[in-house]
């Protein structure tokens, strides 16, 4: 039991695996909603921190994250990358992730923010 002023109990790996279940809603600048597996969203270190940090952040409670600076077509590509990364992180043969040249700069800026 944690009382006032007591630090929270350390999280065990099993707790993190349970937290990885379910879905997360990622919302683009235009308001388009992408519902992705939480495990896929955890590919992003930024999202992982937003969704698992103690402290009662709204992203943790609501399971949704708004990206007012990321357009829909870029967020869609990022969601595709999350699933691609999960699939190929299991040690299977890797194929190149397709990126259209015209979105490269915007995609790199979003990936940098998301720490993916």
N, C-alpha and C. Protein backbone atom coordinates (compact mmCIF):
# COMPACT_ATOMS: atom_id res chain seq x y z
N UNK A 1 0.84 -1.18 0.00
CA UNK A 1 0.00 0.00 0.00
C UNK A 1 0.89 1.24 0.00
N UNK A 2 0.52 2.20 -0.78
CA UNK A 2 1.29 3.43 -0.88
C UNK A 2 0.54 4.53 -0.15
N UNK A 3 1.21 5.16 0.81
CA UNK A 3 0.60 6.26 1.54
C UNK A 3 1.08 7.58 0.98
N UNK A 4 0.62 8.66 1.55
CA UNK A 4 1.05 9.98 1.10
C UNK A 4 2.55 10.12 1.32
N UNK A 5 3.26 10.57 0.31
CA UNK A 5 4.68 10.79 0.42
C UNK A 5 5.53 9.55 0.16
N UNK A 6 4.90 8.37 0.12
CA UNK A 6 5.66 7.16 -0.18
C UNK A 6 5.88 7.06 -1.68
N UNK A 7 7.07 6.66 -2.11
CA UNK A 7 7.29 6.49 -3.54
C UNK A 7 6.48 5.30 -4.06
N UNK A 8 6.07 5.34 -5.31
CA UNK A 8 5.32 4.21 -5.86
C UNK A 8 6.20 2.97 -5.91
N UNK A 9 5.55 1.83 -5.81
CA UNK A 9 6.28 0.56 -5.87
C UNK A 9 6.89 0.40 -7.25
N UNK A 10 8.08 -0.19 -7.33
CA UNK A 10 8.70 -0.38 -8.65
C UNK A 10 7.84 -1.27 -9.53
N UNK A 11 7.80 -0.96 -10.82
CA UNK A 11 7.01 -1.73 -11.77
C UNK A 11 7.79 -2.95 -12.20
N UNK A 12 7.10 -4.03 -12.31
CA UNK A 12 7.74 -5.25 -12.78
C UNK A 12 7.47 -5.40 -14.27
N UNK A 13 8.30 -6.21 -14.94
CA UNK A 13 8.16 -6.43 -16.38
C UNK A 13 6.78 -6.96 -16.71
N UNK A 14 6.23 -7.79 -15.82
CA UNK A 14 4.90 -8.36 -16.06
C UNK A 14 3.85 -7.26 -16.12
N UNK A 15 3.98 -6.23 -15.26
CA UNK A 15 3.05 -5.11 -15.28
C UNK A 15 3.12 -4.38 -16.61
N UNK A 16 4.32 -4.19 -17.15
CA UNK A 16 4.47 -3.50 -18.43
C UNK A 16 3.83 -4.28 -19.56
N UNK A 17 3.96 -5.62 -19.51
CA UNK A 17 3.34 -6.43 -20.55
C UNK A 17 1.83 -6.29 -20.51
N UNK A 18 1.26 -6.24 -19.30
CA UNK A 18 -0.18 -6.07 -19.19
C UNK A 18 -0.59 -4.70 -19.74
N UNK A 19 0.21 -3.66 -19.47
CA UNK A 19 -0.08 -2.33 -19.96
C UNK A 19 -0.04 -2.26 -21.47
N UNK A 20 0.72 -3.15 -22.11
CA UNK A 20 0.86 -3.12 -23.55
C UNK A 20 -0.38 -3.66 -24.25
N UNK A 21 -1.33 -4.24 -23.52
CA UNK A 21 -2.55 -4.75 -24.13
C UNK A 21 -3.51 -3.62 -24.42
N UNK A 22 -4.48 -3.89 -25.27
CA UNK A 22 -5.49 -2.89 -25.59
C UNK A 22 -5.12 -2.07 -26.80
N UNK A 23 -5.82 -0.95 -26.94
CA UNK A 23 -5.62 -0.08 -28.09
C UNK A 23 -5.39 1.35 -27.63
N UNK A 24 -4.83 2.14 -28.54
CA UNK A 24 -4.56 3.56 -28.32
C UNK A 24 -5.11 4.31 -29.52
N UNK A 25 -5.67 5.48 -29.26
CA UNK A 25 -6.19 6.31 -30.34
C UNK A 25 -5.19 7.44 -30.58
N UNK A 26 -4.69 7.53 -31.80
CA UNK A 26 -3.78 8.59 -32.20
C UNK A 26 -4.56 9.54 -33.10
N UNK A 27 -4.57 10.82 -32.77
CA UNK A 27 -5.41 11.79 -33.48
C UNK A 27 -4.54 12.81 -34.21
N UNK A 28 -4.75 12.90 -35.52
CA UNK A 28 -3.94 13.79 -36.37
C UNK A 28 -4.37 15.24 -36.23
N UNK A 29 -3.62 16.13 -36.87
CA UNK A 29 -3.92 17.56 -36.85
C UNK A 29 -5.32 17.86 -37.39
N UNK A 30 -5.76 17.08 -38.37
CA UNK A 30 -7.08 17.30 -38.97
C UNK A 30 -8.20 16.60 -38.20
N UNK A 31 -7.84 15.87 -37.13
CA UNK A 31 -8.85 15.21 -36.32
C UNK A 31 -9.13 13.76 -36.70
N UNK A 32 -8.38 13.23 -37.68
CA UNK A 32 -8.58 11.84 -38.06
C UNK A 32 -8.03 10.95 -36.95
N UNK A 33 -8.77 9.90 -36.59
CA UNK A 33 -8.39 9.02 -35.49
C UNK A 33 -7.88 7.68 -36.01
N UNK A 34 -6.69 7.32 -35.56
CA UNK A 34 -6.12 6.01 -35.86
C UNK A 34 -6.14 5.19 -34.58
N UNK A 35 -6.81 4.06 -34.62
CA UNK A 35 -6.85 3.17 -33.46
C UNK A 35 -5.84 2.06 -33.73
N UNK A 36 -4.79 2.03 -32.90
CA UNK A 36 -3.72 1.05 -33.08
C UNK A 36 -3.54 0.24 -31.80
N UNK A 37 -2.99 -0.94 -31.94
CA UNK A 37 -2.67 -1.75 -30.77
C UNK A 37 -1.67 -0.99 -29.92
N UNK A 38 -1.86 -1.06 -28.62
CA UNK A 38 -0.95 -0.36 -27.71
C UNK A 38 0.47 -0.88 -27.87
N UNK A 39 0.60 -2.17 -28.13
CA UNK A 39 1.92 -2.76 -28.33
C UNK A 39 2.61 -2.12 -29.53
N UNK A 40 1.87 -1.85 -30.58
CA UNK A 40 2.44 -1.20 -31.77
C UNK A 40 2.84 0.24 -31.44
N UNK A 41 2.00 0.96 -30.71
CA UNK A 41 2.30 2.34 -30.35
C UNK A 41 3.55 2.44 -29.49
N UNK A 42 3.83 1.38 -28.73
CA UNK A 42 5.00 1.38 -27.84
C UNK A 42 6.32 1.32 -28.62
N UNK A 43 6.27 1.15 -29.95
CA UNK A 43 7.48 1.24 -30.77
C UNK A 43 8.08 2.63 -30.59
N UNK A 44 7.22 3.63 -30.40
CA UNK A 44 7.66 5.01 -30.18
C UNK A 44 7.99 5.20 -28.71
N UNK A 45 9.22 5.63 -28.42
CA UNK A 45 9.59 5.89 -27.03
C UNK A 45 8.80 7.05 -26.45
N UNK A 46 8.46 8.03 -27.27
CA UNK A 46 7.66 9.16 -26.79
C UNK A 46 6.27 8.68 -26.38
N UNK A 47 5.63 7.87 -27.23
CA UNK A 47 4.31 7.35 -26.88
C UNK A 47 4.39 6.42 -25.68
N UNK A 48 5.43 5.61 -25.62
CA UNK A 48 5.60 4.70 -24.48
C UNK A 48 5.63 5.52 -23.18
N UNK A 49 6.40 6.60 -23.18
CA UNK A 49 6.47 7.44 -21.98
C UNK A 49 5.14 8.12 -21.67
N UNK A 50 4.45 8.59 -22.70
CA UNK A 50 3.15 9.24 -22.49
C UNK A 50 2.12 8.28 -21.91
N UNK A 51 2.15 7.04 -22.38
CA UNK A 51 1.11 6.08 -22.02
C UNK A 51 1.40 5.29 -20.75
N UNK A 52 2.63 5.28 -20.30
CA UNK A 52 2.97 4.45 -19.14
C UNK A 52 3.49 5.25 -17.95
N UNK A 53 3.65 6.54 -18.09
CA UNK A 53 4.21 7.34 -17.01
C UNK A 53 3.22 7.47 -15.86
N UNK A 54 3.73 7.35 -14.64
CA UNK A 54 2.86 7.63 -13.50
C UNK A 54 2.61 9.13 -13.42
N UNK A 55 1.57 9.52 -12.78
CA UNK A 55 1.33 10.94 -12.62
C UNK A 55 -0.02 11.39 -13.15
N UNK A 56 -0.80 10.48 -13.67
CA UNK A 56 -2.15 10.83 -14.09
C UNK A 56 -2.25 11.68 -15.33
N UNK A 57 -1.34 11.51 -16.29
CA UNK A 57 -1.43 12.26 -17.53
C UNK A 57 -2.70 11.84 -18.28
N UNK A 58 -3.29 12.78 -19.00
CA UNK A 58 -4.54 12.48 -19.70
C UNK A 58 -4.35 11.38 -20.75
N UNK A 59 -3.16 11.33 -21.38
CA UNK A 59 -2.90 10.28 -22.37
C UNK A 59 -2.95 8.91 -21.72
N UNK A 60 -2.45 8.81 -20.50
CA UNK A 60 -2.47 7.53 -19.78
C UNK A 60 -3.89 7.14 -19.43
N UNK A 61 -4.65 8.08 -18.91
CA UNK A 61 -6.02 7.80 -18.48
C UNK A 61 -6.95 7.52 -19.66
N UNK A 62 -6.88 8.33 -20.70
CA UNK A 62 -7.84 8.24 -21.80
C UNK A 62 -7.41 7.29 -22.91
N UNK A 63 -6.12 6.97 -22.97
CA UNK A 63 -5.65 6.08 -24.03
C UNK A 63 -5.70 6.73 -25.40
N UNK A 64 -5.57 8.04 -25.45
CA UNK A 64 -5.54 8.73 -26.73
C UNK A 64 -4.51 9.86 -26.68
N UNK A 65 -3.89 10.09 -27.84
CA UNK A 65 -2.87 11.12 -27.95
C UNK A 65 -3.18 11.98 -29.17
N UNK A 66 -3.19 13.28 -28.96
CA UNK A 66 -3.44 14.24 -30.05
C UNK A 66 -2.12 14.78 -30.57
N UNK A 67 -2.04 14.88 -31.89
CA UNK A 67 -0.86 15.43 -32.54
C UNK A 67 -1.27 16.61 -33.41
N UNK A 68 -1.37 17.81 -32.82
CA UNK A 68 -1.85 18.97 -33.57
C UNK A 68 -0.91 19.43 -34.68
N UNK A 69 0.32 18.92 -34.69
CA UNK A 69 1.29 19.33 -35.71
C UNK A 69 1.55 18.25 -36.76
N UNK A 70 0.96 17.06 -36.60
CA UNK A 70 1.22 15.97 -37.54
C UNK A 70 -0.01 15.74 -38.42
N UNK A 71 0.13 15.97 -39.74
CA UNK A 71 -1.00 15.77 -40.65
C UNK A 71 -1.38 14.29 -40.78
N UNK A 72 -2.59 14.07 -41.23
CA UNK A 72 -3.15 12.72 -41.32
C UNK A 72 -2.28 11.78 -42.15
N UNK A 73 -1.82 12.22 -43.33
CA UNK A 73 -1.07 11.30 -44.20
C UNK A 73 0.27 10.91 -43.58
N UNK A 74 0.85 11.76 -42.73
CA UNK A 74 2.10 11.43 -42.06
C UNK A 74 1.83 10.49 -40.88
N UNK A 75 0.79 10.77 -40.11
CA UNK A 75 0.45 9.90 -38.98
C UNK A 75 0.06 8.51 -39.46
N UNK A 76 -0.60 8.43 -40.61
CA UNK A 76 -0.95 7.13 -41.19
C UNK A 76 0.32 6.34 -41.50
N UNK A 77 1.30 6.98 -42.09
CA UNK A 77 2.57 6.32 -42.43
C UNK A 77 3.30 5.88 -41.16
N UNK A 78 3.24 6.70 -40.12
CA UNK A 78 3.86 6.35 -38.85
C UNK A 78 3.20 5.11 -38.25
N UNK A 79 1.88 5.04 -38.31
CA UNK A 79 1.16 3.86 -37.80
C UNK A 79 1.57 2.61 -38.59
N UNK A 80 1.70 2.76 -39.91
CA UNK A 80 2.16 1.64 -40.73
C UNK A 80 3.55 1.20 -40.29
N UNK A 81 4.40 2.17 -39.98
CA UNK A 81 5.77 1.85 -39.54
C UNK A 81 5.75 1.10 -38.20
N UNK A 82 4.88 1.49 -37.28
CA UNK A 82 4.80 0.80 -36.00
C UNK A 82 4.57 -0.70 -36.22
N UNK A 83 3.61 -1.04 -37.07
CA UNK A 83 3.31 -2.45 -37.33
C UNK A 83 4.44 -3.13 -38.10
N UNK A 84 5.04 -2.43 -39.04
CA UNK A 84 6.18 -2.96 -39.79
C UNK A 84 7.32 -3.27 -38.83
N UNK A 85 7.60 -2.35 -37.93
CA UNK A 85 8.68 -2.53 -36.97
C UNK A 85 8.42 -3.72 -36.05
N UNK A 86 7.20 -3.86 -35.58
CA UNK A 86 6.85 -5.01 -34.73
C UNK A 86 7.05 -6.32 -35.47
N UNK A 87 6.61 -6.36 -36.71
CA UNK A 87 6.70 -7.58 -37.51
C UNK A 87 8.16 -7.99 -37.73
N UNK A 88 9.01 -7.03 -38.06
CA UNK A 88 10.39 -7.36 -38.39
C UNK A 88 11.33 -7.33 -37.20
N UNK A 89 10.86 -6.92 -36.03
CA UNK A 89 11.72 -6.93 -34.84
C UNK A 89 11.83 -8.34 -34.27
N UNK A 90 11.06 -9.26 -34.77
CA UNK A 90 11.08 -10.64 -34.27
C UNK A 90 12.19 -11.46 -34.90
N UNK A 91 13.09 -10.80 -35.63
CA UNK A 91 14.21 -11.52 -36.23
C UNK A 91 13.90 -12.14 -37.57
N UNK A 92 12.73 -11.84 -38.11
CA UNK A 92 12.39 -12.37 -39.42
C UNK A 92 13.13 -11.58 -40.49
N UNK A 93 13.13 -12.11 -41.67
CA UNK A 93 13.79 -11.43 -42.79
C UNK A 93 13.19 -10.03 -42.96
N UNK A 94 14.05 -9.04 -43.11
CA UNK A 94 13.60 -7.64 -43.20
C UNK A 94 13.44 -7.21 -44.65
N UNK A 95 12.35 -6.49 -44.89
CA UNK A 95 12.17 -5.83 -46.18
C UNK A 95 12.24 -4.33 -45.91
N UNK A 96 12.53 -3.57 -46.93
CA UNK A 96 12.64 -2.13 -46.78
C UNK A 96 11.27 -1.51 -46.56
N UNK A 97 11.20 -0.58 -45.62
CA UNK A 97 9.94 0.13 -45.36
C UNK A 97 9.76 1.18 -46.45
N UNK A 98 8.65 1.12 -47.19
CA UNK A 98 8.46 2.05 -48.31
C UNK A 98 8.11 3.47 -47.85
N UNK A 99 8.86 4.45 -48.35
CA UNK A 99 8.60 5.85 -48.04
C UNK A 99 8.60 6.64 -49.35
N UNK A 100 7.52 7.35 -49.59
CA UNK A 100 7.42 8.17 -50.78
C UNK A 100 8.34 9.39 -50.61
N UNK A 101 9.11 9.73 -51.64
CA UNK A 101 10.07 10.83 -51.53
C UNK A 101 9.44 12.17 -51.12
N UNK A 102 8.21 12.43 -51.55
CA UNK A 102 7.59 13.72 -51.27
C UNK A 102 7.20 13.91 -49.79
N UNK A 103 7.16 12.83 -49.01
CA UNK A 103 6.81 12.98 -47.59
C UNK A 103 8.01 12.77 -46.66
N UNK A 104 9.18 12.56 -47.23
CA UNK A 104 10.37 12.20 -46.44
C UNK A 104 10.68 13.21 -45.34
N UNK A 105 10.71 14.49 -45.66
CA UNK A 105 11.07 15.50 -44.67
C UNK A 105 10.06 15.54 -43.52
N UNK A 106 8.77 15.60 -43.86
CA UNK A 106 7.73 15.64 -42.83
C UNK A 106 7.76 14.37 -41.98
N UNK A 107 7.99 13.25 -42.62
CA UNK A 107 8.04 11.98 -41.90
C UNK A 107 9.24 11.93 -40.95
N UNK A 108 10.38 12.44 -41.41
CA UNK A 108 11.57 12.46 -40.55
C UNK A 108 11.35 13.36 -39.32
N UNK A 109 10.71 14.49 -39.51
CA UNK A 109 10.45 15.39 -38.38
C UNK A 109 9.51 14.74 -37.37
N UNK A 110 8.46 14.08 -37.86
CA UNK A 110 7.52 13.40 -36.96
C UNK A 110 8.19 12.23 -36.26
N UNK A 111 9.01 11.46 -37.00
CA UNK A 111 9.70 10.32 -36.40
C UNK A 111 10.69 10.79 -35.34
N UNK A 112 11.33 11.92 -35.57
CA UNK A 112 12.24 12.48 -34.57
C UNK A 112 11.48 12.85 -33.30
N UNK A 113 10.33 13.49 -33.44
CA UNK A 113 9.51 13.86 -32.28
C UNK A 113 9.06 12.62 -31.53
N UNK A 114 8.65 11.61 -32.27
CA UNK A 114 8.12 10.39 -31.66
C UNK A 114 9.21 9.44 -31.18
N UNK A 115 10.47 9.75 -31.50
CA UNK A 115 11.60 8.94 -31.08
C UNK A 115 11.41 7.49 -31.52
N UNK A 116 11.21 7.32 -32.84
CA UNK A 116 11.03 5.98 -33.40
C UNK A 116 12.18 5.63 -34.31
